[in-house]
Amino acid sequence: MCNLDIIKTEAVKKSPPETFQQAEVVKPAQFLVIARGKVVHVSDNVESCKDCLNKNYGRGVALPQRMVCEVRNGVDVDNPHTCGGQNQGGGVNAGFNKYWNGWPAVRLMNSIAKEYVDEANVKCEEEGNLRAEAEAKAKAAEEAMAVADAKDKAKAEEANVLAAKAKAAEEVKLAAEAEAMAEKEAKLNTEDGSNHHVWGVNAKDKIYYRAP
């Protein structure tokens, strides 16, 4: 999971009429505590960041310069005086143990927050791309397996059909042989008047038998 959410806008097609509109996804704000030139705490709760300032730095001390930076919709808020709907500009009396020495310090800490947000957004996007790639590969493998199963099934059905045809051909052959033998015996009986017995053939079991 990323520390910050990627917030993107995407074109949403509406019909009718056929128009395009920018649909903005809004997510809850997140808060960064900036101190000693870096992000020291991240939370989706401004009270957690206030606790971080109160517990880790002397009340109202000038060093290190520090503040809570609010991130709305994936972008850090330039003016820190109002943070999470509260008066951070009021300092310790408003519950924020912040300290900045004018706007240059504020802009510096905002730039640190912006860099952190940008890096987090890039990381989230990369993770999203990796997930999408993994899902695409899994789907392709599943489809390939389905195709392979279908081919195996078709081959098995073809083998069954060939086996059935071979069996039918064998039965036809045996029946023809039996018929030929019966005709031959009948012809012999007719020609010499002898008491030849007619032989038949059980085509299924391939057993010759003497007719009564």
C-alpha atoms as a PDB file:
ATOM      1  CA  MET A   1       0.000   0.000   0.000  1.00  0.00           C
ATOM      2  CA  CYS A   2       1.142   3.552  -0.682  1.00  0.00           C
ATOM      3  CA  ASN A   3       1.265   6.274   1.920  1.00  0.00           C
ATOM      4  CA  LEU A   4      -0.649   8.561  -0.369  1.00  0.00           C
ATOM      5  CA  ASP A   5      -3.419   7.776  -2.807  1.00  0.00           C
ATOM      6  CA  ILE A   6      -3.076   8.624  -6.448  1.00  0.00           C
ATOM      7  CA  ILE A   7      -5.963  10.824  -7.412  1.00  0.00           C
ATOM      8  CA  LYS A   8      -6.601  10.977 -11.110  1.00  0.00           C
ATOM      9  CA  THR A   9      -9.223  12.543 -13.310  1.00  0.00           C
ATOM     10  CA  GLU A  10     -10.570  10.570 -16.206  1.00  0.00           C
ATOM     11  CA  ALA A  11     -12.832  11.358 -19.113  1.00  0.00           C
ATOM     12  CA  VAL A  12     -16.308   9.933 -18.615  1.00  0.00           C
ATOM     13  CA  LYS A  13     -18.480   9.557 -21.671  1.00  0.00           C
ATOM     14  CA  LYS A  14     -22.124  10.529 -21.260  1.00  0.00           C
ATOM     15  CA  SER A  15     -24.811   9.614 -23.767  1.00  0.00           C
ATOM     16  CA  PRO A  16     -27.101  11.081 -24.850  1.00  0.00           C
ATOM     17  CA  PRO A  17     -25.972  13.718 -25.700  1.00  0.00           C
ATOM     18  CA  GLU A  18     -22.474  12.526 -26.583  1.00  0.00           C
ATOM     19  CA  THR A  19     -20.210  14.697 -24.444  1.00  0.00           C
ATOM     20  CA  PHE A  20     -17.088  14.290 -22.351  1.00  0.00           C
ATOM     21  CA  GLN A  21     -16.807  15.542 -18.795  1.00  0.00           C
ATOM     22  CA  GLN A  22     -13.943  15.530 -16.318  1.00  0.00           C
ATOM     23  CA  ALA A  23     -15.001  13.331 -13.383  1.00  0.00           C
ATOM     24  CA  GLU A  24     -12.926  14.104 -10.318  1.00  0.00           C
ATOM     25  CA  VAL A  25     -12.416  11.463  -7.647  1.00  0.00           C
ATOM     26  CA  VAL A  26     -12.173  13.084  -4.241  1.00  0.00           C
ATOM     27  CA  LYS A  27     -10.636  11.200  -1.328  1.00  0.00           C
ATOM     28  CA  PRO A  28     -10.171  12.204   2.310  1.00  0.00           C
ATOM     29  CA  ALA A  29      -7.284  14.538   3.070  1.00  0.00           C
ATOM     30  CA  GLN A  30      -4.009  13.240   4.445  1.00  0.00           C
ATOM     31  CA  PHE A  31      -1.501  15.036   6.610  1.00  0.00           C
ATOM     32  CA  LEU A  32       2.306  15.141   6.723  1.00  0.00           C
ATOM     33  CA  VAL A  33       4.431  16.357   9.612  1.00  0.00           C
ATOM     34  CA  ILE A  34       7.487  18.162   8.229  1.00  0.00           C
ATOM     35  CA  ALA A  35      10.456  18.683  10.560  1.00  0.00           C
ATOM     36  CA  ARG A  36      14.244  18.780  10.197  1.00  0.00           C
ATOM     37  CA  GLY A  37      13.915  18.993   6.429  1.00  0.00           C
ATOM     38  CA  LYS A  38      11.962  15.771   5.941  1.00  0.00           C
ATOM     39  CA  VAL A  39       8.624  14.028   6.405  1.00  0.00           C
ATOM     40  CA  VAL A  40       8.576  12.504   9.877  1.00  0.00           C
ATOM     41  CA  HIS A  41       4.955  11.394  10.157  1.00  0.00           C
ATOM     42  CA  VAL A  42       2.057  10.594   7.799  1.00  0.00           C
ATOM     43  CA  SER A  43      -1.566  10.135   8.812  1.00  0.00           C
ATOM     44  CA  ASP A  44      -5.100  10.566   7.525  1.00  0.00           C
ATOM     45  CA  ASN A  45      -5.963  12.140  10.880  1.00  0.00           C
ATOM     46  CA  VAL A  46      -4.818  15.666  11.717  1.00  0.00           C
ATOM     47  CA  GLU A  47      -5.047  14.879  15.453  1.00  0.00           C
ATOM     48  CA  SER A  48      -2.385  12.199  15.032  1.00  0.00           C
ATOM     49  CA  CYS A  49      -0.070  14.787  13.480  1.00  0.00           C
ATOM     50  CA  LYS A  50      -0.773  17.255  16.290  1.00  0.00           C
ATOM     51  CA  ASP A  51       0.140  14.550  18.799  1.00  0.00           C
ATOM     52  CA  CYS A  52       3.380  13.936  16.885  1.00  0.00           C
ATOM     53  CA  LEU A  53       4.313  17.631  17.173  1.00  0.00           C
ATOM     54  CA  ASN A  54       3.365  17.846  20.851  1.00  0.00           C
ATOM     55  CA  LYS A  55       5.174  14.663  21.910  1.00  0.00           C
ATOM     56  CA  ASN A  56       8.406  15.026  19.962  1.00  0.00           C
ATOM     57  CA  TYR A  57       9.274  18.726  20.154  1.00  0.00           C
ATOM     58  CA  GLY A  58       9.506  21.245  22.958  1.00  0.00           C
ATOM     59  CA  ARG A  59       6.437  23.405  23.355  1.00  0.00           C
ATOM     60  CA  GLY A  60       6.768  26.486  21.169  1.00  0.00           C
ATOM     61  CA  VAL A  61      10.530  26.073  20.568  1.00  0.00           C
ATOM     62  CA  ALA A  62      11.940  27.608  17.394  1.00  0.00           C
ATOM     63  CA  LEU A  63      14.001  24.613  16.352  1.00  0.00           C
ATOM     64  CA  PRO A  64      13.420  22.544  14.432  1.00  0.00           C
ATOM     65  CA  GLN A  65      11.035  24.472  12.252  1.00  0.00           C
ATOM     66  CA  ARG A  66       8.009  22.268  11.721  1.00  0.00           C
ATOM     67  CA  MET A  67       4.402  22.132  10.659  1.00  0.00           C
ATOM     68  CA  VAL A  68       1.605  19.888   9.453  1.00  0.00           C
ATOM     69  CA  CYS A  69       1.076  19.937   5.694  1.00  0.00           C
ATOM     70  CA  GLU A  70      -2.363  18.984   4.399  1.00  0.00           C
ATOM     71  CA  VAL A  71      -2.694  16.948   1.195  1.00  0.00           C
ATOM     72  CA  ARG A  72      -5.997  17.245  -0.615  1.00  0.00           C
ATOM     73  CA  ASN A  73      -6.770  15.251  -3.728  1.00  0.00           C
ATOM     74  CA  GLY A  74      -3.118  14.245  -4.067  1.00  0.00           C
ATOM     75  CA  VAL A  75      -1.817  17.844  -3.890  1.00  0.00           C
ATOM     76  CA  ASP A  76      -0.281  19.591  -0.895  1.00  0.00           C
ATOM     77  CA  VAL A  77      -1.995  22.747   0.349  1.00  0.00           C
ATOM     78  CA  ASP A  78       0.251  25.809   0.078  1.00  0.00           C
ATOM     79  CA  ASN A  79      -1.175  27.766   2.993  1.00  0.00           C
ATOM     80  CA  PRO A  80      -0.659  25.874   6.274  1.00  0.00           C
ATOM     81  CA  HIS A  81      -2.490  28.344   8.509  1.00  0.00           C
ATOM     82  CA  THR A  82      -5.693  26.315   8.149  1.00  0.00           C
ATOM     83  CA  CYS A  83      -5.053  22.571   8.367  1.00  0.00           C
ATOM     84  CA  GLY A  84      -7.766  19.941   8.479  1.00  0.00           C
ATOM     85  CA  GLY A  85     -10.271  22.714   9.097  1.00  0.00           C
ATOM     86  CA  GLN A  86      -8.343  23.829  12.209  1.00  0.00           C
ATOM     87  CA  ASN A  87      -6.288  26.919  12.964  1.00  0.00           C
ATOM     88  CA  GLN A  88      -2.672  25.734  12.725  1.00  0.00           C
ATOM     89  CA  GLY A  89      -1.652  29.373  12.480  1.00  0.00           C
ATOM     90  CA  GLY A  90      -2.750  29.749  16.105  1.00  0.00           C
ATOM     91  CA  GLY A  91       0.201  27.625  17.201  1.00  0.00           C
ATOM     92  CA  VAL A  92       0.356  25.910  20.589  1.00  0.00           C
ATOM     93  CA  ASN A  93      -2.709  27.789  21.815  1.00  0.00           C
ATOM     94  CA  ALA A  94      -4.688  26.113  19.011  1.00  0.00           C
ATOM     95  CA  GLY A  95      -3.167  22.690  19.728  1.00  0.00           C
ATOM     96  CA  PHE A  96      -0.456  22.848  17.027  1.00  0.00           C
ATOM     97  CA  ASN A  97       3.100  22.818  18.345  1.00  0.00           C
ATOM     98  CA  LYS A  98       4.312  24.208  15.031  1.00  0.00           C
ATOM     99  CA  TYR A  99       6.955  26.774  14.281  1.00  0.00           C
ATOM    100  CA  TRP A 100       7.975  28.480  11.071  1.00  0.00           C
ATOM    101  CA  ASN A 101       9.998  31.628  10.614  1.00  0.00           C
ATOM    102  CA  GLY A 102       7.968  33.322   7.899  1.00  0.00           C
ATOM    103  CA  TRP A 103       6.885  32.354   4.409  1.00  0.00           C
ATOM    104  CA  PRO A 104      10.335  31.262   3.139  1.00  0.00           C
ATOM    105  CA  ALA A 105      10.327  28.509   5.788  1.00  0.00           C
ATOM    106  CA  VAL A 106       6.729  27.614   4.924  1.00  0.00           C
ATOM    107  CA  ARG A 107       7.541  27.368   1.219  1.00  0.00           C
ATOM    108  CA  LEU A 108      10.591  25.206   1.962  1.00  0.00           C
ATOM    109  CA  MET A 109       8.539  22.775   4.045  1.00  0.00           C
ATOM    110  CA  ASN A 110       5.807  22.794   1.390  1.00  0.00           C
ATOM    111  CA  SER A 111       8.413  21.864  -1.236  1.00  0.00           C
ATOM    112  CA  ILE A 112       9.508  18.925   0.944  1.00  0.00           C
ATOM    113  CA  ALA A 113       5.869  17.802   1.230  1.00  0.00           C
ATOM    114  CA  LYS A 114       5.355  18.205  -2.524  1.00  0.00           C
ATOM    115  CA  GLU A 115       8.434  16.089  -3.297  1.00  0.00           C
ATOM    116  CA  TYR A 116       7.194  13.392  -0.920  1.00  0.00           C
ATOM    117  CA  VAL A 117       3.723  13.453  -2.497  1.00  0.00           C
ATOM    118  CA  ASP A 118       5.143  13.270  -6.017  1.00  0.00           C
ATOM    119  CA  GLU A 119       7.409  10.331  -5.139  1.00  0.00           C
ATOM    120  CA  ALA A 120       4.539   8.538  -3.398  1.00  0.00           C
ATOM    121  CA  ASN A 121       2.272   9.101  -6.405  1.00  0.00           C
ATOM    122  CA  VAL A 122       4.905   7.734  -8.782  1.00  0.00           C
ATOM    123  CA  LYS A 123       5.377   4.693  -6.550  1.00  0.00           C
ATOM    124  CA  CYS A 124       1.633   4.106  -6.423  1.00  0.00           C
ATOM    125  CA  GLU A 125       1.385   4.411 -10.192  1.00  0.00           C
ATOM    126  CA  GLU A 126       4.233   1.930 -10.660  1.00  0.00           C
ATOM    127  CA  GLU A 127       2.569  -0.493  -8.258  1.00  0.00           C
ATOM    128  CA  GLY A 128      -0.700  -0.048 -10.119  1.00  0.00           C
ATOM    129  CA  ASN A 129       1.025  -0.779 -13.426  1.00  0.00           C
ATOM    130  CA  LEU A 130       2.662  -3.887 -11.961  1.00  0.00           C
ATOM    131  CA  ARG A 131      -0.682  -5.109 -10.642  1.00  0.00           C
ATOM    132  CA  ALA A 132      -2.311  -4.489 -14.014  1.00  0.00           C
ATOM    133  CA  GLU A 133       0.520  -6.323 -15.784  1.00  0.00           C
ATOM    134  CA  ALA A 134       0.261  -9.268 -13.388  1.00  0.00           C
ATOM    135  CA  GLU A 135      -3.508  -9.435 -13.852  1.00  0.00           C
ATOM    136  CA  ALA A 136      -3.099  -9.323 -17.641  1.00  0.00           C
ATOM    137  CA  LYS A 137      -0.548 -12.153 -17.531  1.00  0.00           C
ATOM    138  CA  ALA A 138      -2.793 -14.237 -15.283  1.00  0.00           C
ATOM    139  CA  LYS A 139      -5.747 -13.680 -17.614  1.00  0.00           C
ATOM    140  CA  ALA A 140      -3.629 -14.616 -20.658  1.00  0.00           C
ATOM    141  CA  ALA A 141      -2.432 -17.792 -18.912  1.00  0.00           C
ATOM    142  CA  GLU A 142      -6.016 -18.702 -18.024  1.00  0.00           C
ATOM    143  CA  GLU A 143      -7.146 -18.157 -21.607  1.00  0.00           C
ATOM    144  CA  ALA A 144      -4.204 -20.207 -22.928  1.00  0.00           C
ATOM    145  CA  MET A 145      -5.116 -23.031 -20.540  1.00  0.00           C
ATOM    146  CA  ALA A 146      -8.723 -22.904 -21.703  1.00  0.00           C
ATOM    147  CA  VAL A 147      -7.573 -23.127 -25.340  1.00  0.00           C
ATOM    148  CA  ALA A 148      -5.277 -26.059 -24.500  1.00  0.00           C
ATOM    149  CA  ASP A 149      -8.121 -27.845 -22.692  1.00  0.00           C
ATOM    150  CA  ALA A 150     -10.393 -27.306 -25.686  1.00  0.00           C
ATOM    151  CA  LYS A 151      -7.752 -28.733 -28.032  1.00  0.00           C
ATOM    152  CA  ASP A 152      -7.246 -31.773 -25.779  1.00  0.00           C
ATOM    153  CA  LYS A 153     -10.987 -32.334 -25.669  1.00  0.00           C
ATOM    154  CA  ALA A 154     -11.223 -32.056 -29.459  1.00  0.00           C
ATOM    155  CA  LYS A 155      -8.348 -34.546 -29.879  1.00  0.00           C
ATOM    156  CA  ALA A 156     -10.014 -36.999 -27.488  1.00  0.00           C
ATOM    157  CA  GLU A 157     -13.313 -36.712 -29.361  1.00  0.00           C
ATOM    158  CA  GLU A 158     -11.503 -37.208 -32.687  1.00  0.00           C
ATOM    159  CA  ALA A 159      -9.762 -40.327 -31.306  1.00  0.00           C
ATOM    160  CA  ASN A 160     -13.124 -41.727 -30.164  1.00  0.00           C
ATOM    161  CA  VAL A 161     -14.630 -41.096 -33.588  1.00  0.00           C
ATOM    162  CA  LEU A 162     -11.695 -42.818 -35.325  1.00  0.00           C
ATOM    163  CA  ALA A 163     -11.944 -45.801 -32.950  1.00  0.00           C
ATOM    164  CA  ALA A 164     -15.679 -46.114 -33.613  1.00  0.00           C
ATOM    165  CA  LYS A 165     -15.082 -45.971 -37.379  1.00  0.00           C
ATOM    166  CA  ALA A 166     -12.360 -48.634 -37.137  1.00  0.00           C
ATOM    167  CA  LYS A 167     -14.650 -50.912 -35.124  1.00  0.00           C
ATOM    168  CA  ALA A 168     -17.501 -50.461 -37.573  1.00  0.00           C
ATOM    169  CA  ALA A 169     -15.168 -51.190 -40.509  1.00  0.00           C
ATOM    170  CA  GLU A 170     -13.948 -54.382 -38.797  1.00  0.00           C
ATOM    171  CA  GLU A 171     -17.509 -55.546 -38.197  1.00  0.00           C
ATOM    172  CA  VAL A 172     -18.402 -54.861 -41.834  1.00  0.00           C
ATOM    173  CA  LYS A 173     -15.332 -56.823 -42.970  1.00  0.00           C
ATOM    174  CA  LEU A 174     -16.199 -59.833 -40.770  1.00  0.00           C
ATOM    175  CA  ALA A 175     -19.800 -59.763 -41.940  1.00  0.00           C
ATOM    176  CA  ALA A 176     -18.623 -59.744 -45.561  1.00  0.00           C
ATOM    177  CA  GLU A 177     -16.272 -62.671 -44.893  1.00  0.00           C
ATOM    178  CA  ALA A 178     -19.090 -64.643 -43.238  1.00  0.00           C
ATOM    179  CA  GLU A 179     -21.416 -63.936 -46.120  1.00  0.00           C
ATOM    180  CA  ALA A 180     -18.753 -65.014 -48.645  1.00  0.00           C
ATOM    181  CA  MET A 181     -18.110 -68.265 -46.759  1.00  0.00           C
ATOM    182  CA  ALA A 182     -21.802 -69.034 -46.551  1.00  0.00           C
ATOM    183  CA  GLU A 183     -22.213 -68.460 -50.282  1.00  0.00           C
ATOM    184  CA  LYS A 184     -19.215 -70.714 -50.973  1.00  0.00           C
ATOM    185  CA  GLU A 185     -20.607 -73.546 -48.841  1.00  0.00           C
ATOM    186  CA  ALA A 186     -24.014 -73.213 -50.442  1.00  0.00           C
ATOM    187  CA  LYS A 187     -22.469 -73.383 -53.887  1.00  0.00           C
ATOM    188  CA  LEU A 188     -20.522 -76.552 -52.970  1.00  0.00           C
ATOM    189  CA  ASN A 189     -23.677 -78.224 -51.677  1.00  0.00           C
ATOM    190  CA  THR A 190     -25.493 -77.363 -54.874  1.00  0.00           C
ATOM    191  CA  GLU A 191     -22.740 -78.602 -57.191  1.00  0.00           C
ATOM    192  CA  ASP A 192     -21.939 -82.058 -55.719  1.00  0.00           C
ATOM    193  CA  GLY A 193     -25.034 -82.704 -53.640  1.00  0.00           C
ATOM    194  CA  SER A 194     -22.854 -83.679 -50.692  1.00  0.00           C
ATOM    195  CA  ASN A 195     -23.891 -83.072 -47.126  1.00  0.00           C
ATOM    196  CA  HIS A 196     -21.649 -80.111 -46.524  1.00  0.00           C
ATOM    197  CA  HIS A 197     -22.469 -78.068 -43.495  1.00  0.00           C
ATOM    198  CA  VAL A 198     -22.673 -74.321 -43.957  1.00  0.00           C
ATOM    199  CA  TRP A 199     -20.270 -72.412 -41.784  1.00  0.00           C
ATOM    200  CA  GLY A 200     -21.158 -69.055 -40.381  1.00  0.00           C
ATOM    201  CA  VAL A 201     -19.141 -66.371 -38.673  1.00  0.00           C
ATOM    202  CA  ASN A 202     -19.998 -64.518 -35.483  1.00  0.00           C
ATOM    203  CA  ALA A 203     -18.693 -61.104 -36.539  1.00  0.00           C
ATOM    204  CA  LYS A 204     -18.558 -59.725 -33.019  1.00  0.00           C
ATOM    205  CA  ASP A 205     -16.597 -62.527 -31.389  1.00  0.00           C
ATOM    206  CA  LYS A 206     -14.804 -63.644 -34.583  1.00  0.00           C
ATOM    207  CA  ILE A 207     -15.872 -67.279 -33.960  1.00  0.00           C
ATOM    208  CA  TYR A 208     -16.667 -69.629 -36.817  1.00  0.00           C
ATOM    209  CA  TYR A 209     -19.540 -71.977 -36.178  1.00  0.00           C
ATOM    210  CA  ARG A 210     -21.277 -74.828 -38.082  1.00  0.00           C
ATOM    211  CA  ALA A 211     -24.859 -74.166 -39.012  1.00  0.00           C
ATOM    212  CA  PRO A 212     -27.312 -76.949 -37.996  1.00  0.00           C
END
